[in-house]
Protein backbone atom coordinates (compact mmCIF):
# COMPACT_ATOMS: atom_id res chain seq x y z
CA MET A 1 0.00 0.00 0.00
CA PRO A 2 1.52 3.38 -0.96
CA ALA A 3 2.57 5.72 1.82
CA PHE A 4 0.71 8.59 0.15
CA LEU A 5 -2.93 8.76 -0.84
CA ILE A 6 -5.03 11.48 -2.44
CA ILE A 7 -8.84 11.38 -2.42
CA LYS A 8 -9.95 13.84 -5.07
CA ASN A 9 -13.13 15.67 -6.04
CA GLY A 10 -15.42 14.29 -3.33
CA ARG A 11 -17.91 16.12 -1.17
CA VAL A 12 -15.76 16.29 1.95
CA ILE A 13 -17.85 16.35 5.12
CA ASP A 14 -15.99 16.64 8.42
CA PRO A 15 -18.32 17.84 11.19
CA ALA A 16 -15.41 18.14 13.65
CA SER A 17 -13.91 20.96 11.56
CA LYS A 18 -17.26 22.16 10.12
CA ARG A 19 -16.03 21.31 6.63
CA ASP A 20 -18.57 20.58 3.91
CA LYS A 21 -17.39 21.29 0.39
CA VAL A 22 -16.05 19.57 -2.69
CA GLY A 23 -12.32 19.11 -2.38
CA ASP A 24 -9.40 16.79 -1.76
CA VAL A 25 -8.15 14.82 1.23
CA PHE A 26 -4.46 14.03 1.63
CA ILE A 27 -2.92 11.14 3.56
CA ALA A 28 0.74 10.49 4.35
CA ASP A 29 2.05 7.54 6.34
CA GLY A 30 -1.33 6.71 7.85
CA LYS A 31 -2.19 10.27 8.94
CA PHE A 32 -4.19 13.09 7.44
CA VAL A 33 -2.06 16.00 6.22
CA ALA A 34 -2.91 19.44 4.91
CA GLY A 35 -1.20 18.69 1.60
CA LEU A 36 1.53 16.77 -0.18
CA THR A 37 4.69 17.95 -1.88
CA ALA A 38 5.06 17.62 -5.64
CA ALA A 39 7.39 14.66 -5.13
CA GLN A 40 4.93 12.98 -2.76
CA LYS A 41 2.05 13.52 -5.20
CA LYS A 42 3.99 11.64 -7.87
CA LYS A 43 4.25 8.64 -5.54
CA ALA A 44 0.67 8.87 -4.28
CA ARG A 45 -2.24 6.64 -5.15
CA THR A 46 -5.27 8.65 -6.22
CA ILE A 47 -8.93 7.84 -5.60
CA ASP A 48 -11.43 9.82 -7.66
CA ALA A 49 -14.41 10.46 -5.37
CA ARG A 50 -16.39 12.60 -7.82
CA GLY A 51 -20.09 12.36 -6.94
CA LEU A 52 -19.28 10.62 -3.64
CA VAL A 53 -19.20 11.71 0.00
CA VAL A 54 -15.86 11.57 1.81
CA CYS A 55 -16.18 11.62 5.59
CA PRO A 56 -14.39 10.35 8.70
CA GLY A 57 -14.59 6.60 9.20
CA LEU A 58 -17.81 5.78 11.04
CA VAL A 59 -17.66 5.02 14.78
CA ASP A 60 -19.85 2.47 16.58
CA ILE A 61 -19.56 2.26 20.36
CA HIS A 62 -21.91 -0.73 20.67
CA VAL A 63 -21.11 -4.03 18.92
CA HIS A 64 -21.00 -7.69 19.91
CA PHE A 65 -18.14 -9.59 18.26
CA ARG A 66 -18.66 -12.79 20.33
CA GLU A 67 -14.96 -13.60 20.77
CA PRO A 68 -13.93 -15.40 22.93
CA GLY A 69 -16.22 -18.39 23.26
CA GLN A 70 -19.01 -17.74 20.74
CA THR A 71 -17.03 -17.70 17.52
CA HIS A 72 -19.66 -19.78 15.74
CA LYS A 73 -21.67 -16.52 15.66
CA GLU A 74 -18.91 -13.98 14.94
CA THR A 75 -15.22 -13.41 15.47
CA ILE A 76 -13.36 -10.17 15.93
CA LEU A 77 -11.97 -10.64 12.41
CA THR A 78 -15.33 -11.33 10.70
CA GLY A 79 -17.00 -8.60 12.74
CA SER A 80 -14.31 -6.15 11.64
CA HIS A 81 -14.94 -7.13 8.02
CA ALA A 82 -18.66 -6.38 8.46
CA ALA A 83 -17.69 -3.06 10.04
CA ALA A 84 -15.39 -2.14 7.16
CA ALA A 85 -18.09 -3.05 4.62
CA GLY A 86 -20.43 -0.68 6.45
CA GLY A 87 -17.94 2.20 6.49
CA PHE A 88 -17.04 1.80 10.18
CA THR A 89 -13.38 2.19 11.09
CA THR A 90 -13.70 2.22 14.90
CA VAL A 91 -15.89 -0.07 16.99
CA VAL A 92 -16.28 -0.82 20.71
CA CYS A 93 -17.13 -4.42 21.55
CA MET A 94 -19.25 -5.50 24.49
CA PRO A 95 -17.98 -7.88 27.21
CA ASN A 96 -20.74 -10.52 27.21
CA THR A 97 -18.47 -13.15 25.69
CA SER A 98 -17.73 -16.67 27.02
CA PRO A 99 -16.07 -16.22 29.42
CA VAL A 100 -17.21 -12.67 30.03
CA ALA A 101 -14.60 -9.92 29.93
CA ASP A 102 -14.40 -9.26 33.66
CA ASN A 103 -10.62 -9.67 34.07
CA ALA A 104 -7.39 -8.44 32.53
CA GLY A 105 -6.56 -11.82 30.99
CA THR A 106 -9.68 -11.90 28.84
CA ILE A 107 -9.11 -8.28 27.81
CA GLU A 108 -5.57 -9.20 26.72
CA LEU A 109 -6.98 -12.05 24.61
CA ILE A 110 -9.45 -9.66 22.95
CA ASN A 111 -6.74 -7.08 22.32
CA ASN A 112 -4.48 -9.70 20.74
CA ALA A 113 -7.27 -10.72 18.35
CA ALA A 114 -8.06 -7.07 17.64
CA ARG A 115 -4.53 -6.49 16.31
CA LYS A 116 -5.45 -8.64 13.29
CA ALA A 117 -8.77 -6.89 12.70
CA ALA A 118 -9.53 -4.79 9.64
CA VAL A 119 -10.64 -1.82 11.79
CA HIS A 120 -9.86 -0.36 15.21
CA VAL A 121 -11.49 -2.55 17.87
CA TYR A 122 -11.69 -1.36 21.48
CA PRO A 123 -12.77 -3.61 24.36
CA THR A 124 -15.07 -2.89 27.28
CA GLY A 125 -14.96 -4.66 30.63
CA CYS A 126 -17.76 -5.87 32.87
CA ILE A 127 -19.26 -3.82 35.68
CA THR A 128 -19.73 -6.91 37.82
CA VAL A 129 -17.94 -10.24 38.18
CA GLY A 130 -19.42 -12.75 35.75
CA MET A 131 -22.05 -10.13 34.83
CA LYS A 132 -24.02 -11.53 37.75
CA GLY A 133 -24.79 -8.16 39.36
CA GLN A 134 -23.49 -9.21 42.77
CA GLN A 135 -19.86 -8.08 43.07
CA LEU A 136 -17.90 -5.35 41.33
CA ALA A 137 -15.34 -6.43 38.75
CA PRO A 138 -11.77 -5.08 39.21
CA HIS A 139 -12.23 -1.82 37.33
CA GLY A 140 -8.70 -0.58 37.97
CA SER A 141 -7.04 -3.62 36.43
CA LEU A 142 -9.54 -3.58 33.56
CA LYS A 143 -8.62 0.05 32.84
CA LYS A 144 -4.92 -0.85 32.97
CA ALA A 145 -5.58 -3.72 30.54
CA GLY A 146 -7.04 -1.27 28.03
CA VAL A 147 -10.83 -1.11 28.35
CA VAL A 148 -12.45 2.13 27.22
CA ALA A 149 -15.61 1.71 29.32
CA ILE A 150 -17.38 -0.71 31.63
CA THR A 151 -20.78 -2.30 31.06
CA ASP A 152 -22.80 -5.43 31.75
CA ASP A 153 -24.54 -4.93 28.40
CA GLY A 154 -27.06 -7.67 27.77
CA LEU A 155 -27.92 -7.47 31.43
CA CYS A 156 -28.72 -4.62 33.79
CA VAL A 157 -27.15 -4.00 37.19
CA GLU A 158 -30.36 -4.21 39.20
CA SER A 159 -28.95 -3.30 42.62
CA ASN A 160 -29.01 0.46 43.09
CA GLU A 161 -26.36 0.22 45.81
CA LEU A 162 -24.00 -1.78 43.59
CA MET A 163 -24.57 0.56 40.67
CA ARG A 164 -23.82 3.52 42.90
CA ARG A 165 -20.47 2.00 43.90
CA ALA A 166 -19.75 1.07 40.29
CA VAL A 167 -20.19 4.59 38.97
CA GLU A 168 -18.17 6.04 41.85
CA TYR A 169 -15.25 3.71 41.09
CA ALA A 170 -15.63 4.33 37.37
CA LYS A 171 -15.35 8.06 37.94
CA MET A 172 -12.19 7.47 39.97
CA PHE A 173 -10.66 5.59 37.02
CA ASP A 174 -12.03 8.04 34.41
CA LEU A 175 -14.21 5.34 32.84
CA THR A 176 -17.64 5.83 31.34
CA VAL A 177 -20.33 3.41 32.50
CA LEU A 178 -22.49 2.09 29.65
CA ASP A 179 -25.79 0.74 30.92
CA HIS A 180 -28.36 -1.60 29.42
CA CYS A 181 -31.49 -0.13 31.00
CA GLN A 182 -33.89 -2.93 31.87
CA ASP A 183 -35.64 -3.71 35.13
CA GLU A 184 -35.79 -7.46 34.63
CA SER A 185 -38.46 -7.91 37.31
CA LEU A 186 -40.84 -6.31 34.79
CA THR A 187 -39.72 -8.31 31.75
CA LYS A 188 -39.60 -11.96 32.82
CA GLY A 189 -40.78 -14.05 29.87
CA ALA A 190 -41.45 -10.94 27.76
CA VAL A 191 -40.55 -11.08 24.08
CA MET A 192 -41.95 -7.88 22.51
CA ASN A 193 -43.33 -4.47 23.38
CA GLU A 194 -46.37 -4.54 25.65
CA GLY A 195 -49.50 -3.19 24.02
CA THR A 196 -52.30 -3.96 21.61
CA VAL A 197 -49.97 -5.64 19.11
CA SER A 198 -48.55 -8.06 21.69
CA THR A 199 -52.11 -8.88 22.76
CA ARG A 200 -53.16 -9.52 19.15
CA LEU A 201 -50.14 -11.74 18.50
CA GLY A 202 -50.48 -13.61 21.79
CA LEU A 203 -46.95 -12.75 22.88
CA ARG A 204 -45.81 -11.74 26.36
CA GLY A 205 -45.48 -7.95 26.58
CA TRP A 206 -42.42 -5.94 27.64
CA PRO A 207 -43.43 -2.58 29.14
CA HIS A 208 -41.40 0.52 28.33
CA ALA A 209 -41.52 1.27 32.07
CA ALA A 210 -38.82 -1.40 32.50
CA GLU A 211 -36.45 0.88 30.60
CA ASP A 212 -37.72 4.18 31.97
CA ILE A 213 -37.22 3.16 35.61
CA ILE A 214 -33.53 2.34 35.08
CA VAL A 215 -32.91 5.43 32.97
CA ALA A 216 -34.33 7.53 35.82
CA ARG A 217 -32.21 5.61 38.33
CA ASN A 218 -29.06 6.27 36.32
CA ILE A 219 -29.84 9.97 35.99
CA ILE A 220 -30.23 10.22 39.76
CA LEU A 221 -26.95 8.36 40.37
CA SER A 222 -25.10 10.52 37.86
CA ALA A 223 -26.45 13.68 39.49
CA TYR A 224 -25.43 12.36 42.89
CA SER A 225 -21.93 11.16 41.96
CA GLY A 226 -20.97 13.29 38.96
CA ALA A 227 -20.06 10.12 37.08
CA HIS A 228 -20.67 9.83 33.34
CA ILE A 229 -23.37 7.26 32.60
CA HIS A 230 -24.26 6.43 29.01
CA MET A 231 -27.66 4.88 28.29
CA GLN A 232 -27.53 2.25 25.57
CA HIS A 233 -30.10 1.61 22.80
CA ILE A 234 -32.86 3.92 24.07
CA SER A 235 -36.25 2.70 22.78
CA SER A 236 -38.89 4.57 24.81
CA ALA A 237 -40.38 8.04 24.34
CA MET A 238 -40.39 8.55 28.10
CA SER A 239 -36.71 7.62 28.35
CA VAL A 240 -35.87 10.16 25.65
CA GLU A 241 -37.68 12.85 27.63
CA LEU A 242 -35.96 11.84 30.88
CA VAL A 243 -32.54 12.19 29.26
CA ARG A 244 -33.54 15.49 27.65
CA ARG A 245 -34.53 16.95 31.04
CA ALA A 246 -31.38 15.62 32.70
CA LYS A 247 -29.19 17.32 30.11
CA LYS A 248 -31.03 20.60 30.60
CA ASP A 249 -30.17 20.27 34.30
CA GLY A 250 -26.49 19.74 33.46
CA ILE A 251 -26.36 16.09 34.54
CA ASN A 252 -23.49 14.09 33.04
CA VAL A 253 -25.45 11.55 31.00
CA THR A 254 -25.45 10.57 27.34
CA ALA A 255 -27.55 8.17 25.30
CA GLU A 256 -27.66 6.39 21.97
CA ALA A 257 -30.28 5.22 19.47
CA THR A 258 -30.07 2.27 17.09
CA PRO A 259 -30.88 2.20 13.37
CA HIS A 260 -33.57 -0.42 13.97
CA HIS A 261 -35.39 1.62 16.61
CA ILE A 262 -35.57 4.67 14.32
CA ALA A 263 -36.72 2.62 11.33
CA LEU A 264 -39.01 -0.13 12.65
CA THR A 265 -41.93 -0.59 15.05
CA GLU A 266 -43.67 -3.47 16.79
CA GLU A 267 -45.89 -3.87 13.73
CA ALA A 268 -42.95 -5.59 12.00
CA LEU A 269 -43.44 -8.62 14.28
CA GLY A 270 -46.76 -9.55 12.66
CA THR A 271 -45.23 -12.52 10.82
CA TYR A 272 -43.39 -13.77 13.93
CA ASP A 273 -40.07 -13.32 12.11
CA THR A 274 -37.39 -13.66 14.79
CA ASN A 275 -35.09 -11.32 12.84
CA PHE A 276 -37.25 -8.55 14.31
CA LYS A 277 -36.82 -9.81 17.89
CA MET A 278 -34.40 -7.71 19.89
CA ASN A 279 -33.64 -6.22 23.30
CA PRO A 280 -35.00 -3.66 23.92
CA PRO A 281 -37.91 -4.58 21.69
CA LEU A 282 -39.26 -2.60 18.77
CA ARG A 283 -41.89 -0.26 20.18
CA THR A 284 -44.67 1.99 18.92
CA GLU A 285 -44.70 4.63 16.21
CA LYS A 286 -44.89 7.25 18.99
CA ASP A 287 -41.67 5.88 20.49
CA ARG A 288 -39.97 5.77 17.09
CA ARG A 289 -40.87 9.41 16.41
CA ALA A 290 -39.66 10.42 19.88
CA ILE A 291 -36.27 8.78 19.28
CA ILE A 292 -35.87 10.62 15.99
CA ALA A 293 -36.82 13.88 17.71
CA GLY A 294 -34.26 13.11 20.42
CA LEU A 295 -31.53 12.69 17.83
CA LYS A 296 -32.56 15.96 16.21
CA ASP A 297 -32.51 18.11 19.35
CA GLY A 298 -29.50 16.49 21.01
CA ALA A 299 -31.29 14.59 23.74
CA LEU A 300 -29.71 11.50 22.18
CA ASP A 301 -26.05 11.76 21.31
CA CYS A 302 -25.21 9.19 18.68
CA ILE A 303 -26.14 6.09 16.70
CA GLY A 304 -24.98 2.66 17.92
CA THR A 305 -25.81 -0.44 15.89
CA ASP A 306 -25.95 -3.00 18.73
CA HIS A 307 -24.65 -5.46 16.11
CA ALA A 308 -25.64 -8.79 17.69
CA PRO A 309 -25.01 -11.85 15.50
CA HIS A 310 -26.73 -15.20 16.06
CA THR A 311 -26.62 -18.36 13.94
CA PRO A 312 -29.56 -19.42 11.75
CA ASP A 313 -30.13 -22.44 14.01
CA GLU A 314 -30.52 -20.15 17.02
CA LYS A 315 -32.89 -17.73 15.29
CA ASP A 316 -34.91 -20.34 13.39
CA ARG A 317 -37.13 -21.47 16.24
CA GLU A 318 -40.34 -20.47 18.02
CA PHE A 319 -40.47 -16.74 18.67
CA ASP A 320 -40.49 -17.17 22.46
CA TYR A 321 -37.26 -19.18 22.41
CA ALA A 322 -35.19 -17.37 19.80
CA PRO A 323 -32.42 -15.09 21.13
CA ASN A 324 -32.70 -11.31 20.92
CA GLY A 325 -30.56 -9.37 18.50
CA ILE A 326 -29.79 -8.53 14.88
CA THR A 327 -26.73 -7.72 12.81
CA GLY A 328 -26.46 -4.08 11.81
CA LEU A 329 -23.01 -2.87 10.77
CA GLU A 330 -23.44 -3.33 7.02
CA THR A 331 -26.86 -1.64 6.84
CA ALA A 332 -26.59 1.17 9.41
CA LEU A 333 -25.51 3.92 7.01
CA PRO A 334 -28.23 3.40 4.36
CA VAL A 335 -30.90 2.99 7.06
CA CYS A 336 -29.84 6.27 8.70
CA LEU A 337 -29.70 8.04 5.33
CA ASP A 338 -33.20 6.83 4.52
CA VAL A 339 -34.90 7.51 7.86
CA LEU A 340 -33.07 10.62 8.99
CA VAL A 341 -32.03 12.43 5.80
CA ARG A 342 -34.70 11.48 3.26
CA GLN A 343 -37.73 10.96 5.49
CA ASN A 344 -37.04 13.44 8.30
CA LYS A 345 -34.98 16.07 6.48
CA PHE A 346 -31.91 15.94 8.72
CA LYS A 347 -28.90 17.63 7.15
CA LEU A 348 -26.38 15.06 5.91
CA PRO A 349 -23.46 16.57 7.90
CA TYR A 350 -25.52 16.26 11.09
CA VAL A 351 -26.18 12.57 10.49
CA ILE A 352 -22.50 11.99 9.76
CA ASP A 353 -21.73 13.79 13.02
CA LEU A 354 -23.99 11.33 14.89
CA LEU A 355 -22.06 8.46 13.31
CA THR A 356 -18.54 9.86 13.79
CA ARG A 357 -17.43 12.73 16.04
CA ARG A 358 -20.25 12.55 18.56
CA ALA A 359 -19.96 8.79 18.97
CA ALA A 360 -16.19 9.02 19.46
CA ALA A 361 -16.52 11.87 21.96
CA ILE A 362 -18.62 9.82 24.38
CA LEU A 363 -15.67 7.50 25.09
CA LYS A 364 -12.91 9.97 24.15
CA LEU A 365 -11.78 7.80 21.26
CA PRO A 366 -9.14 9.09 18.80
CA ALA A 367 -11.53 8.98 15.85
CA GLY A 368 -14.23 10.88 14.00
CA THR A 369 -12.25 13.63 12.24
CA LEU A 370 -10.33 14.36 9.04
CA ALA A 371 -8.07 16.87 10.82
CA PRO A 372 -4.37 16.90 9.95
CA GLY A 373 -2.44 14.66 12.32
CA ALA A 374 -5.36 12.34 13.02
CA ALA A 375 -5.36 8.69 12.03
CA ALA A 376 -6.38 8.46 8.38
CA ASP A 377 -9.69 6.66 8.80
CA VAL A 378 -12.11 7.41 5.95
CA CYS A 379 -15.51 6.33 4.70
CA ILE A 380 -16.32 7.06 1.04
CA PHE A 381 -19.91 6.42 0.06
CA ASP A 382 -22.39 7.06 -2.71
CA PRO A 383 -25.54 8.52 -1.10
CA ALA A 384 -27.62 7.84 -4.23
CA ALA A 385 -26.54 4.27 -5.02
CA THR A 386 -29.40 1.75 -4.86
CA TRP A 387 -28.73 -1.88 -4.03
CA THR A 388 -30.30 -4.91 -2.41
CA TYR A 389 -28.76 -6.17 0.81
CA ASP A 390 -28.34 -9.94 0.97
CA ALA A 391 -27.12 -11.15 4.36
CA LYS A 392 -25.84 -14.35 2.74
CA GLN A 393 -23.49 -12.26 0.63
CA GLY A 394 -22.47 -10.07 3.58
CA PHE A 395 -19.37 -10.16 5.71
CA SER A 396 -20.77 -11.02 9.12
CA LYS A 397 -20.59 -14.68 10.08
CA SER A 398 -24.31 -14.56 10.93
CA LEU A 399 -27.37 -13.76 8.81
CA ASN A 400 -29.90 -12.39 11.32
CA SER A 401 -30.80 -9.11 9.64
CA PRO A 402 -34.32 -7.70 9.21
CA TRP A 403 -33.06 -5.92 6.08
CA SER A 404 -31.90 -8.96 4.14
CA GLY A 405 -33.56 -8.85 0.73
CA GLN A 406 -34.50 -5.19 1.11
CA LYS A 407 -33.64 -2.46 -1.38
CA MET A 408 -31.41 0.22 0.14
CA THR A 409 -30.17 3.63 -0.98
CA GLY A 410 -26.66 4.74 -0.06
CA ARG A 411 -23.68 2.42 -0.29
CA VAL A 412 -20.13 2.41 1.00
CA GLN A 413 -17.59 2.38 -1.83
CA THR A 414 -14.28 2.49 0.06
CA THR A 415 -13.17 2.23 3.68
CA ILE A 416 -9.70 3.33 4.73
CA VAL A 417 -8.06 2.60 8.10
CA ASP A 418 -4.76 4.23 9.08
CA GLY A 419 -4.26 5.15 5.43
CA ARG A 420 -4.78 1.56 4.22
CA ILE A 421 -7.67 0.64 1.95
CA VAL A 422 -9.43 -2.21 3.77
CA PHE A 423 -12.66 -2.33 1.77
CA ALA A 424 -13.28 -1.37 -1.85
CA ALA A 425 -15.61 -2.34 -4.68
CA GLY A 426 -17.59 -4.68 -2.48
CA LYS A 427 -14.60 -6.66 -1.23
CA ILE A 428 -12.34 -6.78 1.80
CA VAL A 429 -8.86 -5.81 0.63
């Protein structure tokens, strides 16, 4: 791969520097530079991005790469390929592996695997030992091992006392706490949103109150301790409003939305297709609209895919028994372009900001900008390209996508990590 790269004639959008104009981007030795010398230009590889958007590599702070222990679903390598195909150059993987990432040894194993990945992969560590919600994991040693946050994602820390201690220790170690907001006492046996649709389908309902109660709890603990708590995959209109009010009061909380919660509602479950079964569940049109409004006014900070691969054997069973979760890295950008830009008239730079700078800022990651000196991570996409997504032809090891077979608009053409082309023309390089 040449040491010098020129991306010419693209619409360059870099929200971090408020840049949005047709121009060129220059890369030297894996970093962005303001320009190249005449001699360097002669040695450079050139990519013509005419008619395309050139932006920072996308950032996803919520993925499940299943390694160690569940590599039949996904590995860090295959997950990174799916990320690159979706334009993501930086991802943060959750600790609910087998064994769970509650100790420095498991974090070292993940970091070793991440060195071979196509994109930047950062680990998180558990809040509690074994993700059992009973005893705090060793946050200091996890931080020393390289975690960028702590979370029991997939499960919620139900004990308010334990969560209080967790956020106090996390603040001491300058770690953000990511929380999966679910009062499990309200969701036992539940498989979809509680309401008229669940009644019609004969499925056990999952009330949005289960999320709202924990969001409120976290806001109170953040106000009390000053610790940064980030609410994952917000799905409820009330939760959006709670976060909005907390931010107005200056409380140190952030929150994310997923592509599936802005695009889909509980009505999608009418055929009992388990590719629409997820945690938190798809909710009502009112909730979907509230999440979009939260992204627009800043109540919600970023988009996180919650990429959660499962094998066909696991998903192809009765709705009640199928696991929650869908893949999302390869479809996130076109879904966001469709729902936010085309349907809801968001400005394209604002949506790119949600997927880059603002996501990176939550965990203080060195990503999300085209500024000189930064790592040369780039996403080049055609916002007008139409295509049909086929999960079987995708790069994730699993196929559980609600968008498989669907026509999409907006497609990644090239993904660059540290100045290296890792995805181009539909293939991993």
